[in-house]
Amino acid sequence: MCIVKKHIDNVNQYGIPCVVCINKFNSDTVAELELCKKLAKELGAFDVAISEHWAKGGDGAKDLSLAVRKACQTTKE
């Protein structure tokens, strides 16, 4: 998770809300995914989305697109 923290810190230093995308694979458990989400938020992520775009195309990235949209709406111009 230390590399995730560094990426989140890099984004946050520019005042941009950081959205973390977790690629969900068939072998991932709900507990693992929830732990990753929790840790990323604790490390300063604005939002965290679980994505299955690799398997489901656009439908699998819907939660990610909603998280990015929400982050963009909070950004001041």
PDB file of N, CA and C in Angstrom:
ATOM      1  N   MET A   1       0.812  -1.199   0.000  1.00  0.00           N
ATOM      2  CA  MET A   1       0.000   0.000   0.000  1.00  0.00           C
ATOM      3  C   MET A   1       0.854   1.262   0.000  1.00  0.00           C
ATOM      4  N   CYS A   2       2.168   1.128   0.264  1.00  0.00           N
ATOM      5  CA  CYS A   2       2.990   2.344   0.317  1.00  0.00           C
ATOM      6  C   CYS A   2       3.056   3.028  -1.048  1.00  0.00           C
ATOM      7  N   ILE A   3       3.019   2.270  -2.128  1.00  0.00           N
ATOM      8  CA  ILE A   3       3.047   2.906  -3.453  1.00  0.00           C
ATOM      9  C   ILE A   3       1.711   3.602  -3.733  1.00  0.00           C
ATOM     10  N   VAL A   4       0.620   3.027  -3.234  1.00  0.00           N
ATOM     11  CA  VAL A   4      -0.683   3.665  -3.391  1.00  0.00           C
ATOM     12  C   VAL A   4      -0.695   4.986  -2.626  1.00  0.00           C
ATOM     13  N   LYS A   5      -0.137   4.997  -1.423  1.00  0.00           N
ATOM     14  CA  LYS A   5      -0.059   6.225  -0.638  1.00  0.00           C
ATOM     15  C   LYS A   5       0.731   7.293  -1.381  1.00  0.00           C
ATOM     16  N   LYS A   6       1.836   6.916  -1.979  1.00  0.00           N
ATOM     17  CA  LYS A   6       2.658   7.879  -2.720  1.00  0.00           C
ATOM     18  C   LYS A   6       1.876   8.460  -3.892  1.00  0.00           C
ATOM     19  N   HIS A   7       1.154   7.635  -4.623  1.00  0.00           N
ATOM     20  CA  HIS A   7       0.348   8.129  -5.748  1.00  0.00           C
ATOM     21  C   HIS A   7      -0.756   9.068  -5.265  1.00  0.00           C
ATOM     22  N   ILE A   8      -1.429   8.683  -4.188  1.00  0.00           N
ATOM     23  CA  ILE A   8      -2.487   9.538  -3.631  1.00  0.00           C
ATOM     24  C   ILE A   8      -1.898  10.870  -3.191  1.00  0.00           C
ATOM     25  N   ASP A   9      -0.775  10.833  -2.488  1.00  0.00           N
ATOM     26  CA  ASP A   9      -0.115  12.069  -2.047  1.00  0.00           C
ATOM     27  C   ASP A   9       0.263  12.948  -3.226  1.00  0.00           C
ATOM     28  N   ASN A  10       0.786  12.337  -4.289  1.00  0.00           N
ATOM     29  CA  ASN A  10       1.181  13.111  -5.475  1.00  0.00           C
ATOM     30  C   ASN A  10      -0.011  13.840  -6.082  1.00  0.00           C
ATOM     31  N   VAL A  11      -1.133  13.177  -6.182  1.00  0.00           N
ATOM     32  CA  VAL A  11      -2.328  13.799  -6.757  1.00  0.00           C
ATOM     33  C   VAL A  11      -2.849  14.886  -5.826  1.00  0.00           C
ATOM     34  N   ASN A  12      -2.936  14.564  -4.550  1.00  0.00           N
ATOM     35  CA  ASN A  12      -3.499  15.507  -3.579  1.00  0.00           C
ATOM     36  C   ASN A  12      -2.678  16.786  -3.446  1.00  0.00           C
ATOM     37  N   GLN A  13      -1.381  16.711  -3.696  1.00  0.00           N
ATOM     38  CA  GLN A  13      -0.559  17.910  -3.548  1.00  0.00           C
ATOM     39  C   GLN A  13      -0.921  18.991  -4.564  1.00  0.00           C
ATOM     40  N   TYR A  14      -1.607  18.615  -5.611  1.00  0.00           N
ATOM     41  CA  TYR A  14      -2.045  19.580  -6.624  1.00  0.00           C
ATOM     42  C   TYR A  14      -3.492  20.026  -6.411  1.00  0.00           C
ATOM     43  N   GLY A  15      -4.089  19.568  -5.311  1.00  0.00           N
ATOM     44  CA  GLY A  15      -5.458  19.965  -5.009  1.00  0.00           C
ATOM     45  C   GLY A  15      -6.502  19.266  -5.858  1.00  0.00           C
ATOM     46  N   ILE A  16      -6.122  18.152  -6.422  1.00  0.00           N
ATOM     47  CA  ILE A  16      -7.034  17.385  -7.273  1.00  0.00           C
ATOM     48  C   ILE A  16      -7.577  16.211  -6.458  1.00  0.00           C
ATOM     49  N   PRO A  17      -8.890  15.997  -6.451  1.00  0.00           N
ATOM     50  CA  PRO A  17      -9.428  14.843  -5.726  1.00  0.00           C
ATOM     51  C   PRO A  17      -8.949  13.537  -6.372  1.00  0.00           C
ATOM     52  N   CYS A  18      -8.372  12.690  -5.573  1.00  0.00           N
ATOM     53  CA  CYS A  18      -7.800  11.436  -6.086  1.00  0.00           C
ATOM     54  C   CYS A  18      -8.837  10.317  -6.039  1.00  0.00           C
ATOM     55  N   VAL A  19      -9.082   9.706  -7.175  1.00  0.00           N
ATOM     56  CA  VAL A  19      -9.958   8.546  -7.264  1.00  0.00           C
ATOM     57  C   VAL A  19      -9.082   7.321  -7.526  1.00  0.00           C
ATOM     58  N   VAL A  20      -9.208   6.332  -6.664  1.00  0.00           N
ATOM     59  CA  VAL A  20      -8.450   5.093  -6.814  1.00  0.00           C
ATOM     60  C   VAL A  20      -9.352   4.056  -7.466  1.00  0.00           C
ATOM     61  N   CYS A  21      -8.823   3.393  -8.482  1.00  0.00           N
ATOM     62  CA  CYS A  21      -9.549   2.324  -9.173  1.00  0.00           C
ATOM     63  C   CYS A  21      -8.932   0.985  -8.779  1.00  0.00           C
ATOM     64  N   ILE A  22      -9.770   0.100  -8.289  1.00  0.00           N
ATOM     65  CA  ILE A  22      -9.329  -1.256  -7.961  1.00  0.00           C
ATOM     66  C   ILE A  22      -9.868  -2.194  -9.035  1.00  0.00           C
ATOM     67  N   ASN A  23      -8.964  -2.840  -9.749  1.00  0.00           N
ATOM     68  CA  ASN A  23      -9.379  -3.808 -10.760  1.00  0.00           C
ATOM     69  C   ASN A  23      -9.809  -5.090 -10.047  1.00  0.00           C
ATOM     70  N   LYS A  24     -11.071  -5.452 -10.200  1.00  0.00           N
ATOM     71  CA  LYS A  24     -11.608  -6.649  -9.550  1.00  0.00           C
ATOM     72  C   LYS A  24     -11.446  -7.844 -10.483  1.00  0.00           C
ATOM     73  N   PHE A  25     -10.831  -8.883  -9.935  1.00  0.00           N
ATOM     74  CA  PHE A  25     -10.663 -10.112 -10.685  1.00  0.00           C
ATOM     75  C   PHE A  25     -11.450 -11.235 -10.007  1.00  0.00           C
ATOM     76  N   ASN A  26     -11.668 -12.307 -10.727  1.00  0.00           N
ATOM     77  CA  ASN A  26     -12.508 -13.404 -10.236  1.00  0.00           C
ATOM     78  C   ASN A  26     -12.015 -13.990  -8.918  1.00  0.00           C
ATOM     79  N   SER A  27     -10.723 -13.949  -8.679  1.00  0.00           N
ATOM     80  CA  SER A  27     -10.172 -14.543  -7.466  1.00  0.00           C
ATOM     81  C   SER A  27     -10.231 -13.609  -6.254  1.00  0.00           C
ATOM     82  N   ASP A  28     -10.599 -12.353  -6.454  1.00  0.00           N
ATOM     83  CA  ASP A  28     -10.676 -11.396  -5.351  1.00  0.00           C
ATOM     84  C   ASP A  28     -11.896 -11.679  -4.479  1.00  0.00           C
ATOM     85  N   THR A  29     -11.699 -11.588  -3.180  1.00  0.00           N
ATOM     86  CA  THR A  29     -12.833 -11.769  -2.266  1.00  0.00           C
ATOM     87  C   THR A  29     -13.421 -10.405  -1.908  1.00  0.00           C
ATOM     88  N   VAL A  30     -14.647 -10.412  -1.442  1.00  0.00           N
ATOM     89  CA  VAL A  30     -15.294  -9.178  -1.007  1.00  0.00           C
ATOM     90  C   VAL A  30     -14.482  -8.550   0.125  1.00  0.00           C
ATOM     91  N   ALA A  31     -13.990  -9.368   1.045  1.00  0.00           N
ATOM     92  CA  ALA A  31     -13.206  -8.862   2.175  1.00  0.00           C
ATOM     93  C   ALA A  31     -11.935  -8.160   1.696  1.00  0.00           C
ATOM     94  N   GLU A  32     -11.261  -8.734   0.715  1.00  0.00           N
ATOM     95  CA  GLU A  32     -10.045  -8.108   0.170  1.00  0.00           C
ATOM     96  C   GLU A  32     -10.359  -6.762  -0.471  1.00  0.00           C
ATOM     97  N   LEU A  33     -11.407  -6.728  -1.258  1.00  0.00           N
ATOM     98  CA  LEU A  33     -11.783  -5.493  -1.942  1.00  0.00           C
ATOM     99  C   LEU A  33     -12.193  -4.412  -0.953  1.00  0.00           C
ATOM    100  N   GLU A  34     -12.952  -4.781   0.056  1.00  0.00           N
ATOM    101  CA  GLU A  34     -13.378  -3.813   1.064  1.00  0.00           C
ATOM    102  C   GLU A  34     -12.190  -3.296   1.866  1.00  0.00           C
ATOM    103  N   LEU A  35     -11.226  -4.154   2.153  1.00  0.00           N
ATOM    104  CA  LEU A  35     -10.023  -3.724   2.864  1.00  0.00           C
ATOM    105  C   LEU A  35      -9.228  -2.733   2.017  1.00  0.00           C
ATOM    106  N   CYS A  36      -9.079  -3.026   0.741  1.00  0.00           N
ATOM    107  CA  CYS A  36      -8.364  -2.107  -0.158  1.00  0.00           C
ATOM    108  C   CYS A  36      -9.066  -0.755  -0.229  1.00  0.00           C
ATOM    109  N   LYS A  37     -10.383  -0.769  -0.338  1.00  0.00           N
ATOM    110  CA  LYS A  37     -11.152   0.484  -0.366  1.00  0.00           C
ATOM    111  C   LYS A  37     -10.936   1.278   0.921  1.00  0.00           C
ATOM    112  N   LYS A  38     -11.042   0.595   2.046  1.00  0.00           N
ATOM    113  CA  LYS A  38     -10.891   1.244   3.354  1.00  0.00           C
ATOM    114  C   LYS A  38      -9.502   1.869   3.482  1.00  0.00           C
ATOM    115  N   LEU A  39      -8.483   1.113   3.128  1.00  0.00           N
ATOM    116  CA  LEU A  39      -7.113   1.611   3.257  1.00  0.00           C
ATOM    117  C   LEU A  39      -6.851   2.802   2.338  1.00  0.00           C
ATOM    118  N   ALA A  40      -7.344   2.735   1.114  1.00  0.00           N
ATOM    119  CA  ALA A  40      -7.135   3.840   0.172  1.00  0.00           C
ATOM    120  C   ALA A  40      -7.796   5.120   0.681  1.00  0.00           C
ATOM    121  N   LYS A  41      -8.981   5.000   1.239  1.00  0.00           N
ATOM    122  CA  LYS A  41      -9.654   6.185   1.798  1.00  0.00           C
ATOM    123  C   LYS A  41      -8.888   6.720   3.005  1.00  0.00           C
ATOM    124  N   GLU A  42      -8.394   5.822   3.845  1.00  0.00           N
ATOM    125  CA  GLU A  42      -7.604   6.241   5.005  1.00  0.00           C
ATOM    126  C   GLU A  42      -6.318   6.946   4.572  1.00  0.00           C
ATOM    127  N   LEU A  43      -5.796   6.568   3.412  1.00  0.00           N
ATOM    128  CA  LEU A  43      -4.569   7.172   2.895  1.00  0.00           C
ATOM    129  C   LEU A  43      -4.823   8.497   2.184  1.00  0.00           C
ATOM    130  N   GLY A  44      -6.093   8.897   2.075  1.00  0.00           N
ATOM    131  CA  GLY A  44      -6.398  10.207   1.518  1.00  0.00           C
ATOM    132  C   GLY A  44      -7.097  10.228   0.181  1.00  0.00           C
ATOM    133  N   ALA A  45      -7.540   9.080  -0.309  1.00  0.00           N
ATOM    134  CA  ALA A  45      -8.275   9.057  -1.577  1.00  0.00           C
ATOM    135  C   ALA A  45      -9.629   9.731  -1.403  1.00  0.00           C
ATOM    136  N   PHE A  46     -10.028  10.506  -2.390  1.00  0.00           N
ATOM    137  CA  PHE A  46     -11.346  11.137  -2.391  1.00  0.00           C
ATOM    138  C   PHE A  46     -12.432  10.074  -2.486  1.00  0.00           C
ATOM    139  N   ASP A  47     -12.201   9.111  -3.370  1.00  0.00           N
ATOM    140  CA  ASP A  47     -13.152   8.015  -3.566  1.00  0.00           C
ATOM    141  C   ASP A  47     -12.402   6.814  -4.101  1.00  0.00           C
ATOM    142  N   VAL A  48     -13.022   5.655  -3.970  1.00  0.00           N
ATOM    143  CA  VAL A  48     -12.439   4.409  -4.459  1.00  0.00           C
ATOM    144  C   VAL A  48     -13.519   3.662  -5.213  1.00  0.00           C
ATOM    145  N   ALA A  49     -13.187   3.180  -6.394  1.00  0.00           N
ATOM    146  CA  ALA A  49     -14.153   2.444  -7.210  1.00  0.00           C
ATOM    147  C   ALA A  49     -13.613   1.060  -7.546  1.00  0.00           C
ATOM    148  N   ILE A  50     -14.485   0.088  -7.490  1.00  0.00           N
ATOM    149  CA  ILE A  50     -14.166  -1.268  -7.938  1.00  0.00           C
ATOM    150  C   ILE A  50     -14.543  -1.338  -9.412  1.00  0.00           C
ATOM    151  N   SER A  51     -13.626  -1.834 -10.232  1.00  0.00           N
ATOM    152  CA  SER A  51     -13.879  -1.852 -11.665  1.00  0.00           C
ATOM    153  C   SER A  51     -13.652  -3.247 -12.254  1.00  0.00           C
ATOM    154  N   GLU A  52     -14.535  -3.616 -13.163  1.00  0.00           N
ATOM    155  CA  GLU A  52     -14.412  -4.874 -13.905  1.00  0.00           C
ATOM    156  C   GLU A  52     -14.418  -4.599 -15.409  1.00  0.00           C
ATOM    157  N   HIS A  53     -13.860  -3.464 -15.789  1.00  0.00           N
ATOM    158  CA  HIS A  53     -13.869  -3.074 -17.197  1.00  0.00           C
ATOM    159  C   HIS A  53     -13.169  -4.084 -18.090  1.00  0.00           C
ATOM    160  N   TRP A  54     -12.173  -4.760 -17.547  1.00  0.00           N
ATOM    161  CA  TRP A  54     -11.433  -5.746 -18.332  1.00  0.00           C
ATOM    162  C   TRP A  54     -12.330  -6.902 -18.768  1.00  0.00           C
ATOM    163  N   ALA A  55     -13.370  -7.187 -17.968  1.00  0.00           N
ATOM    164  CA  ALA A  55     -14.268  -8.297 -18.270  1.00  0.00           C
ATOM    165  C   ALA A  55     -15.599  -7.860 -18.847  1.00  0.00           C
ATOM    166  N   LYS A  56     -16.044  -6.646 -18.457  1.00  0.00           N
ATOM    167  CA  LYS A  56     -17.402  -6.219 -18.814  1.00  0.00           C
ATOM    168  C   LYS A  56     -17.438  -4.965 -19.670  1.00  0.00           C
ATOM    169  N   GLY A  57     -16.287  -4.493 -20.087  1.00  0.00           N
ATOM    170  CA  GLY A  57     -16.255  -3.288 -20.908  1.00  0.00           C
ATOM    171  C   GLY A  57     -16.775  -2.083 -20.143  1.00  0.00           C
ATOM    172  N   GLY A  58     -17.491  -1.210 -20.838  1.00  0.00           N
ATOM    173  CA  GLY A  58     -18.014   0.010 -20.238  1.00  0.00           C
ATOM    174  C   GLY A  58     -18.906  -0.234 -19.040  1.00  0.00           C
ATOM    175  N   ASP A  59     -19.703  -1.290 -19.082  1.00  0.00           N
ATOM    176  CA  ASP A  59     -20.585  -1.604 -17.953  1.00  0.00           C
ATOM    177  C   ASP A  59     -19.778  -1.890 -16.684  1.00  0.00           C
ATOM    178  N   GLY A  60     -18.610  -2.469 -16.849  1.00  0.00           N
ATOM    179  CA  GLY A  60     -17.768  -2.794 -15.704  1.00  0.00           C
ATOM    180  C   GLY A  60     -17.043  -1.593 -15.131  1.00  0.00           C
ATOM    181  N   ALA A  61     -17.089  -0.463 -15.839  1.00  0.00           N
ATOM    182  CA  ALA A  61     -16.419   0.753 -15.379  1.00  0.00           C
ATOM    183  C   ALA A  61     -17.402   1.826 -14.918  1.00  0.00           C
ATOM    184  N   LYS A  62     -18.658   1.458 -14.789  1.00  0.00           N
ATOM    185  CA  LYS A  62     -19.674   2.454 -14.426  1.00  0.00           C
ATOM    186  C   LYS A  62     -19.383   3.108 -13.074  1.00  0.00           C
ATOM    187  N   ASP A  63     -19.062   2.318 -12.052  1.00  0.00           N
ATOM    188  CA  ASP A  63     -18.773   2.888 -10.737  1.00  0.00           C
ATOM    189  C   ASP A  63     -17.559   3.815 -10.794  1.00  0.00           C
ATOM    190  N   LEU A  64     -16.569   3.444 -11.587  1.00  0.00           N
ATOM    191  CA  LEU A  64     -15.393   4.300 -11.742  1.00  0.00           C
ATOM    192  C   LEU A  64     -15.769   5.621 -12.387  1.00  0.00           C
ATOM    193  N   SER A  65     -16.567   5.575 -13.419  1.00  0.00           N
ATOM    194  CA  SER A  65     -16.960   6.818 -14.095  1.00  0.00           C
ATOM    195  C   SER A  65     -17.768   7.723 -13.173  1.00  0.00           C
ATOM    196  N   LEU A  66     -18.624   7.138 -12.337  1.00  0.00           N
ATOM    197  CA  LEU A  66     -19.405   7.935 -11.392  1.00  0.00           C
ATOM    198  C   LEU A  66     -18.506   8.571 -10.332  1.00  0.00           C
ATOM    199  N   ALA A  67     -17.493   7.840  -9.875  1.00  0.00           N
ATOM    200  CA  ALA A  67     -16.557   8.382  -8.882  1.00  0.00           C
ATOM    201  C   ALA A  67     -15.749   9.533  -9.468  1.00  0.00           C
ATOM    202  N   VAL A  68     -15.298   9.382 -10.703  1.00  0.00           N
ATOM    203  CA  VAL A  68     -14.532  10.450 -11.362  1.00  0.00           C
ATOM    204  C   VAL A  68     -15.429  11.669 -11.586  1.00  0.00           C
ATOM    205  N   ARG A  69     -16.660  11.431 -12.000  1.00  0.00           N
ATOM    206  CA  ARG A  69     -17.583  12.549 -12.201  1.00  0.00           C
ATOM    207  C   ARG A  69     -17.793  13.311 -10.899  1.00  0.00           C
ATOM    208  N   LYS A  70     -18.014  12.577  -9.807  1.00  0.00           N
ATOM    209  CA  LYS A  70     -18.215  13.210  -8.508  1.00  0.00           C
ATOM    210  C   LYS A  70     -16.981  14.022  -8.115  1.00  0.00           C
ATOM    211  N   ALA A  71     -15.799  13.480  -8.358  1.00  0.00           N
ATOM    212  CA  ALA A  71     -14.559  14.193  -8.037  1.00  0.00           C
ATOM    213  C   ALA A  71     -14.442  15.457  -8.876  1.00  0.00           C
ATOM    214  N   CYS A  72     -14.795  15.375 -10.136  1.00  0.00           N
ATOM    215  CA  CYS A  72     -14.712  16.557 -11.009  1.00  0.00           C
ATOM    216  C   CYS A  72     -15.685  17.654 -10.570  1.00  0.00           C
ATOM    217  N   GLN A  73     -16.815  17.270 -10.073  1.00  0.00           N
ATOM    218  CA  GLN A  73     -17.820  18.234  -9.632  1.00  0.00           C
ATOM    219  C   GLN A  73     -17.409  18.950  -8.362  1.00  0.00           C
ATOM    220  N   THR A  74     -16.460  18.398  -7.621  1.00  0.00           N
ATOM    221  CA  THR A  74     -16.007  19.044  -6.392  1.00  0.00           C
ATOM    222  C   THR A  74     -14.788  19.944  -6.637  1.00  0.00           C
ATOM    223  N   THR A  75     -14.205  19.849  -7.812  1.00  0.00           N
ATOM    224  CA  THR A  75     -13.003  20.622  -8.109  1.00  0.00           C
ATOM    225  C   THR A  75     -13.352  22.062  -8.404  1.00  0.00           C
ATOM    226  N   LYS A  76     -12.627  22.967  -7.783  1.00  0.00           N
ATOM    227  CA  LYS A  76     -12.823  24.390  -8.038  1.00  0.00           C
ATOM    228  C   LYS A  76     -12.022  24.808  -9.254  1.00  0.00           C
ATOM    229  N   GLU A  77     -12.585  25.676 -10.049  1.00  0.00           N
ATOM    230  CA  GLU A  77     -11.873  26.143 -11.246  1.00  0.00           C
ATOM    231  C   GLU A  77     -11.107  27.396 -10.927  1.00  0.00           C
TER     232      GLU A  77
END
